[in-house]
């Protein structure tokens, strides 16, 4: 019941994000450098310090950042533990179709009652509307894991323009 009330509260609060978005163009080098620094930070003992930047990039549509933010919320790393937010972010990251992430999500949600799963799915859909592949100007494709390999992975990346810039969509109050 507590999880259901939390899910309902998050659903209601997500209505606030319906404000007009702002498109911001960032040079690819600046965008990538900041993101890669945060990813490297997660490999250190004080990985919680990377949370604010990972959350920023999760909102830019970066699937790895979304997954990591979800796991940080689940574990309370760098932020207060919030299982609902964690599941919403992991569910959003699943646009990339990474099997390991899907298994994690499925194992956590397996015991949720159907009504809570329905609410969670609605929350994930709303998050994807804001921070998903289409909303954040990304593209997904199958790529080889290693050069010459037949094994393919579904990978989502920012679309770069001819001047090697990316566009992020920012929402007020988010």
C-alpha atoms as a PDB file:
ATOM      1  CA  UNK A   1       0.000   0.000   0.000  1.00  0.00           C
ATOM      2  CA  UNK A   2       2.843   2.393   0.861  1.00  0.00           C
ATOM      3  CA  UNK A   3       4.446   1.776  -2.555  1.00  0.00           C
ATOM      4  CA  UNK A   4       1.072   2.454  -4.236  1.00  0.00           C
ATOM      5  CA  UNK A   5       0.688   5.767  -2.404  1.00  0.00           C
ATOM      6  CA  UNK A   6       4.234   6.724  -3.368  1.00  0.00           C
ATOM      7  CA  UNK A   7       3.601   5.790  -7.003  1.00  0.00           C
ATOM      8  CA  UNK A   8       0.388   7.836  -7.001  1.00  0.00           C
ATOM      9  CA  UNK A   9       2.155  10.852  -5.476  1.00  0.00           C
ATOM     10  CA  UNK A  10       4.879  10.681  -8.123  1.00  0.00           C
ATOM     11  CA  UNK A  11       2.245  10.374 -10.860  1.00  0.00           C
ATOM     12  CA  UNK A  12       0.482  13.501  -9.629  1.00  0.00           C
ATOM     13  CA  UNK A  13       3.719  15.449  -9.229  1.00  0.00           C
ATOM     14  CA  UNK A  14       4.805  14.509 -12.757  1.00  0.00           C
ATOM     15  CA  UNK A  15       1.976  16.680 -14.083  1.00  0.00           C
ATOM     16  CA  UNK A  16       4.092  19.716 -13.129  1.00  0.00           C
ATOM     17  CA  UNK A  17       6.571  18.923 -15.909  1.00  0.00           C
ATOM     18  CA  UNK A  18       4.091  19.757 -18.654  1.00  0.00           C
ATOM     19  CA  UNK A  19       5.707  23.226 -19.024  1.00  0.00           C
ATOM     20  CA  UNK A  20       7.150  24.318 -22.354  1.00  0.00           C
ATOM     21  CA  UNK A  21      10.573  22.770 -23.010  1.00  0.00           C
ATOM     22  CA  UNK A  22      13.703  24.686 -24.021  1.00  0.00           C
ATOM     23  CA  UNK A  23      16.087  23.310 -26.653  1.00  0.00           C
ATOM     24  CA  UNK A  24      19.747  23.932 -25.869  1.00  0.00           C
ATOM     25  CA  UNK A  25      22.575  23.250 -28.325  1.00  0.00           C
ATOM     26  CA  UNK A  26      25.884  22.116 -26.783  1.00  0.00           C
ATOM     27  CA  UNK A  27      29.216  21.447 -28.476  1.00  0.00           C
ATOM     28  CA  UNK A  28      29.829  17.703 -28.619  1.00  0.00           C
ATOM     29  CA  UNK A  29      33.188  17.975 -26.838  1.00  0.00           C
ATOM     30  CA  UNK A  30      31.698  19.838 -23.861  1.00  0.00           C
ATOM     31  CA  UNK A  31      28.731  17.491 -23.691  1.00  0.00           C
ATOM     32  CA  UNK A  32      30.794  14.309 -23.909  1.00  0.00           C
ATOM     33  CA  UNK A  33      33.626  15.445 -21.631  1.00  0.00           C
ATOM     34  CA  UNK A  34      31.366  16.259 -18.678  1.00  0.00           C
ATOM     35  CA  UNK A  35      29.439  13.002 -19.098  1.00  0.00           C
ATOM     36  CA  UNK A  36      32.570  10.849 -19.340  1.00  0.00           C
ATOM     37  CA  UNK A  37      34.020  12.483 -16.220  1.00  0.00           C
ATOM     38  CA  UNK A  38      30.869  11.555 -14.304  1.00  0.00           C
ATOM     39  CA  UNK A  39      31.015   7.983 -15.615  1.00  0.00           C
ATOM     40  CA  UNK A  40      34.642   7.691 -14.488  1.00  0.00           C
ATOM     41  CA  UNK A  41      33.670   9.061 -11.064  1.00  0.00           C
ATOM     42  CA  UNK A  42      31.280   6.120 -10.602  1.00  0.00           C
ATOM     43  CA  UNK A  43      34.250   3.741 -10.564  1.00  0.00           C
ATOM     44  CA  UNK A  44      35.654   5.347  -7.387  1.00  0.00           C
ATOM     45  CA  UNK A  45      34.680   4.881  -3.768  1.00  0.00           C
ATOM     46  CA  UNK A  46      32.955   8.272  -3.660  1.00  0.00           C
ATOM     47  CA  UNK A  47      30.799   7.501  -6.694  1.00  0.00           C
ATOM     48  CA  UNK A  48      27.814   9.229  -5.112  1.00  0.00           C
ATOM     49  CA  UNK A  49      29.395  12.550  -6.091  1.00  0.00           C
ATOM     50  CA  UNK A  50      28.606  11.691  -9.713  1.00  0.00           C
ATOM     51  CA  UNK A  51      24.861  11.558  -9.030  1.00  0.00           C
ATOM     52  CA  UNK A  52      23.992  15.205  -9.899  1.00  0.00           C
ATOM     53  CA  UNK A  53      25.754  15.048 -13.275  1.00  0.00           C
ATOM     54  CA  UNK A  54      24.332  11.595 -14.022  1.00  0.00           C
ATOM     55  CA  UNK A  55      20.849  12.917 -13.242  1.00  0.00           C
ATOM     56  CA  UNK A  56      21.454  15.834 -15.612  1.00  0.00           C
ATOM     57  CA  UNK A  57      22.476  13.439 -18.393  1.00  0.00           C
ATOM     58  CA  UNK A  58      19.610  11.073 -17.588  1.00  0.00           C
ATOM     59  CA  UNK A  59      17.341  14.024 -18.316  1.00  0.00           C
ATOM     60  CA  UNK A  60      19.228  14.531 -21.591  1.00  0.00           C
ATOM     61  CA  UNK A  61      18.157  11.012 -22.591  1.00  0.00           C
ATOM     62  CA  UNK A  62      21.437   9.141 -22.011  1.00  0.00           C
ATOM     63  CA  UNK A  63      20.370   5.552 -21.343  1.00  0.00           C
ATOM     64  CA  UNK A  64      23.395   4.504 -19.268  1.00  0.00           C
ATOM     65  CA  UNK A  65      22.930   7.591 -17.091  1.00  0.00           C
ATOM     66  CA  UNK A  66      19.234   6.739 -16.695  1.00  0.00           C
ATOM     67  CA  UNK A  67      20.052   3.218 -15.620  1.00  0.00           C
ATOM     68  CA  UNK A  68      22.753   4.376 -13.197  1.00  0.00           C
ATOM     69  CA  UNK A  69      20.502   7.067 -11.710  1.00  0.00           C
ATOM     70  CA  UNK A  70      17.879   4.367 -11.207  1.00  0.00           C
ATOM     71  CA  UNK A  71      20.308   2.106  -9.369  1.00  0.00           C
ATOM     72  CA  UNK A  72      21.612   5.041  -7.305  1.00  0.00           C
ATOM     73  CA  UNK A  73      18.026   5.850  -6.256  1.00  0.00           C
ATOM     74  CA  UNK A  74      17.400   2.207  -5.388  1.00  0.00           C
ATOM     75  CA  UNK A  75      20.565   2.044  -3.252  1.00  0.00           C
ATOM     76  CA  UNK A  76      20.582   5.589  -1.882  1.00  0.00           C
ATOM     77  CA  UNK A  77      23.974   6.370  -3.427  1.00  0.00           C
ATOM     78  CA  UNK A  78      24.541  10.118  -3.712  1.00  0.00           C
ATOM     79  CA  UNK A  79      20.873  10.767  -2.947  1.00  0.00           C
ATOM     80  CA  UNK A  80      18.129   9.619  -0.619  1.00  0.00           C
ATOM     81  CA  UNK A  81      16.876   6.132  -1.425  1.00  0.00           C
ATOM     82  CA  UNK A  82      13.710   6.301  -3.520  1.00  0.00           C
ATOM     83  CA  UNK A  83      12.672   2.946  -4.998  1.00  0.00           C
ATOM     84  CA  UNK A  84       9.881   4.450  -7.084  1.00  0.00           C
ATOM     85  CA  UNK A  85      12.173   6.970  -8.798  1.00  0.00           C
ATOM     86  CA  UNK A  86      14.744   4.216  -9.231  1.00  0.00           C
ATOM     87  CA  UNK A  87      12.291   1.964 -11.038  1.00  0.00           C
ATOM     88  CA  UNK A  88      10.982   4.797 -13.195  1.00  0.00           C
ATOM     89  CA  UNK A  89      14.506   5.691 -14.347  1.00  0.00           C
ATOM     90  CA  UNK A  90      15.454   2.059 -15.008  1.00  0.00           C
ATOM     91  CA  UNK A  91      12.201   1.590 -16.931  1.00  0.00           C
ATOM     92  CA  UNK A  92      13.050   4.660 -19.011  1.00  0.00           C
ATOM     93  CA  UNK A  93      16.540   3.319 -19.730  1.00  0.00           C
ATOM     94  CA  UNK A  94      15.009   0.142 -21.141  1.00  0.00           C
ATOM     95  CA  UNK A  95      14.400   1.918 -24.448  1.00  0.00           C
ATOM     96  CA  UNK A  96      17.957   0.762 -25.139  1.00  0.00           C
ATOM     97  CA  UNK A  97      16.858  -2.884 -24.754  1.00  0.00           C
ATOM     98  CA  UNK A  98      19.797  -4.026 -22.644  1.00  0.00           C
ATOM     99  CA  UNK A  99      19.098  -7.566 -21.407  1.00  0.00           C
ATOM    100  CA  UNK A 100      20.907  -7.126 -18.072  1.00  0.00           C
ATOM    101  CA  UNK A 101      18.910  -3.994 -17.294  1.00  0.00           C
ATOM    102  CA  UNK A 102      15.677  -5.756 -18.231  1.00  0.00           C
ATOM    103  CA  UNK A 103      16.505  -8.654 -15.886  1.00  0.00           C
ATOM    104  CA  UNK A 104      17.199  -6.206 -13.043  1.00  0.00           C
ATOM    105  CA  UNK A 105      13.924  -4.387 -13.642  1.00  0.00           C
ATOM    106  CA  UNK A 106      11.938  -7.620 -13.944  1.00  0.00           C
ATOM    107  CA  UNK A 107      13.402  -9.112 -10.768  1.00  0.00           C
ATOM    108  CA  UNK A 108      12.565  -5.996  -8.743  1.00  0.00           C
ATOM    109  CA  UNK A 109       9.051  -5.561 -10.123  1.00  0.00           C
ATOM    110  CA  UNK A 110       8.128  -9.265 -10.168  1.00  0.00           C
ATOM    111  CA  UNK A 111       6.371  -9.173  -6.806  1.00  0.00           C
ATOM    112  CA  UNK A 112       4.522  -5.894  -7.310  1.00  0.00           C
ATOM    113  CA  UNK A 113       0.735  -6.278  -7.477  1.00  0.00           C
ATOM    114  CA  UNK A 114      -0.787  -5.709 -10.920  1.00  0.00           C
ATOM    115  CA  UNK A 115      -2.296  -2.347  -9.975  1.00  0.00           C
ATOM    116  CA  UNK A 116       1.128  -1.055  -8.883  1.00  0.00           C
ATOM    117  CA  UNK A 117       2.736  -2.392 -12.062  1.00  0.00           C
ATOM    118  CA  UNK A 118       0.108  -0.494 -14.075  1.00  0.00           C
ATOM    119  CA  UNK A 119       0.853   2.735 -12.193  1.00  0.00           C
ATOM    120  CA  UNK A 120       4.598   2.180 -12.596  1.00  0.00           C
ATOM    121  CA  UNK A 121       4.212   1.558 -16.338  1.00  0.00           C
ATOM    122  CA  UNK A 122       2.223   4.799 -16.643  1.00  0.00           C
ATOM    123  CA  UNK A 123       4.965   6.686 -14.792  1.00  0.00           C
ATOM    124  CA  UNK A 124       7.640   5.192 -17.058  1.00  0.00           C
ATOM    125  CA  UNK A 125       5.638   6.223 -20.156  1.00  0.00           C
ATOM    126  CA  UNK A 126       5.392   9.787 -18.831  1.00  0.00           C
ATOM    127  CA  UNK A 127       9.133   9.859 -18.126  1.00  0.00           C
ATOM    128  CA  UNK A 128       9.863   8.571 -21.644  1.00  0.00           C
ATOM    129  CA  UNK A 129       7.694  11.375 -23.064  1.00  0.00           C
ATOM    130  CA  UNK A 130      10.121  13.844 -21.444  1.00  0.00           C
ATOM    131  CA  UNK A 131      13.465  12.039 -21.448  1.00  0.00           C
ATOM    132  CA  UNK A 132      13.121   9.268 -23.990  1.00  0.00           C
ATOM    133  CA  UNK A 133      14.869   8.767 -27.308  1.00  0.00           C
ATOM    134  CA  UNK A 134      12.465  10.826 -29.423  1.00  0.00           C
ATOM    135  CA  UNK A 135      11.994  13.614 -26.874  1.00  0.00           C
ATOM    136  CA  UNK A 136      15.749  14.073 -26.399  1.00  0.00           C
ATOM    137  CA  UNK A 137      16.814  13.882 -30.057  1.00  0.00           C
ATOM    138  CA  UNK A 138      18.578  10.547 -29.963  1.00  0.00           C
ATOM    139  CA  UNK A 139      18.792   7.587 -32.302  1.00  0.00           C
ATOM    140  CA  UNK A 140      19.090   3.890 -31.585  1.00  0.00           C
ATOM    141  CA  UNK A 141      20.677   1.205 -33.726  1.00  0.00           C
ATOM    142  CA  UNK A 142      22.239  -2.214 -33.469  1.00  0.00           C
ATOM    143  CA  UNK A 143      26.027  -2.102 -33.211  1.00  0.00           C
ATOM    144  CA  UNK A 144      28.688  -4.782 -32.990  1.00  0.00           C
ATOM    145  CA  UNK A 145      29.972  -5.316 -29.465  1.00  0.00           C
ATOM    146  CA  UNK A 146      33.529  -5.631 -30.720  1.00  0.00           C
ATOM    147  CA  UNK A 147      34.884  -4.899 -34.179  1.00  0.00           C
ATOM    148  CA  UNK A 148      34.367  -8.003 -36.287  1.00  0.00           C
ATOM    149  CA  UNK A 149      31.899  -9.565 -33.850  1.00  0.00           C
ATOM    150  CA  UNK A 150      28.554 -10.966 -34.957  1.00  0.00           C
ATOM    151  CA  UNK A 151      27.002 -10.136 -31.590  1.00  0.00           C
ATOM    152  CA  UNK A 152      24.949  -6.944 -31.765  1.00  0.00           C
ATOM    153  CA  UNK A 153      23.712  -4.569 -29.088  1.00  0.00           C
ATOM    154  CA  UNK A 154      20.938  -2.010 -29.297  1.00  0.00           C
ATOM    155  CA  UNK A 155      22.624   1.337 -28.550  1.00  0.00           C
ATOM    156  CA  UNK A 156      21.032   4.779 -28.237  1.00  0.00           C
ATOM    157  CA  UNK A 157      23.130   7.915 -28.754  1.00  0.00           C
ATOM    158  CA  UNK A 158      22.625  11.647 -29.177  1.00  0.00           C
ATOM    159  CA  UNK A 159      22.202  12.872 -32.738  1.00  0.00           C
ATOM    160  CA  UNK A 160      25.075  15.179 -33.744  1.00  0.00           C
ATOM    161  CA  UNK A 161      24.553  17.946 -36.274  1.00  0.00           C
ATOM    162  CA  UNK A 162      27.029  18.870 -39.034  1.00  0.00           C
ATOM    163  CA  UNK A 163      28.926  21.153 -36.619  1.00  0.00           C
ATOM    164  CA  UNK A 164      29.322  18.309 -34.078  1.00  0.00           C
ATOM    165  CA  UNK A 165      26.776  19.709 -31.638  1.00  0.00           C
ATOM    166  CA  UNK A 166      24.016  17.969 -29.716  1.00  0.00           C
ATOM    167  CA  UNK A 167      20.615  19.317 -28.773  1.00  0.00           C
ATOM    168  CA  UNK A 168      19.173  18.704 -25.342  1.00  0.00           C
ATOM    169  CA  UNK A 169      15.616  19.451 -24.357  1.00  0.00           C
ATOM    170  CA  UNK A 170      15.291  20.957 -20.897  1.00  0.00           C
ATOM    171  CA  UNK A 171      12.058  21.216 -18.966  1.00  0.00           C
ATOM    172  CA  UNK A 172      11.448  23.974 -16.423  1.00  0.00           C
ATOM    173  CA  UNK A 173      11.169  22.774 -12.819  1.00  0.00           C
ATOM    174  CA  UNK A 174      12.663  19.374 -13.605  1.00  0.00           C
END
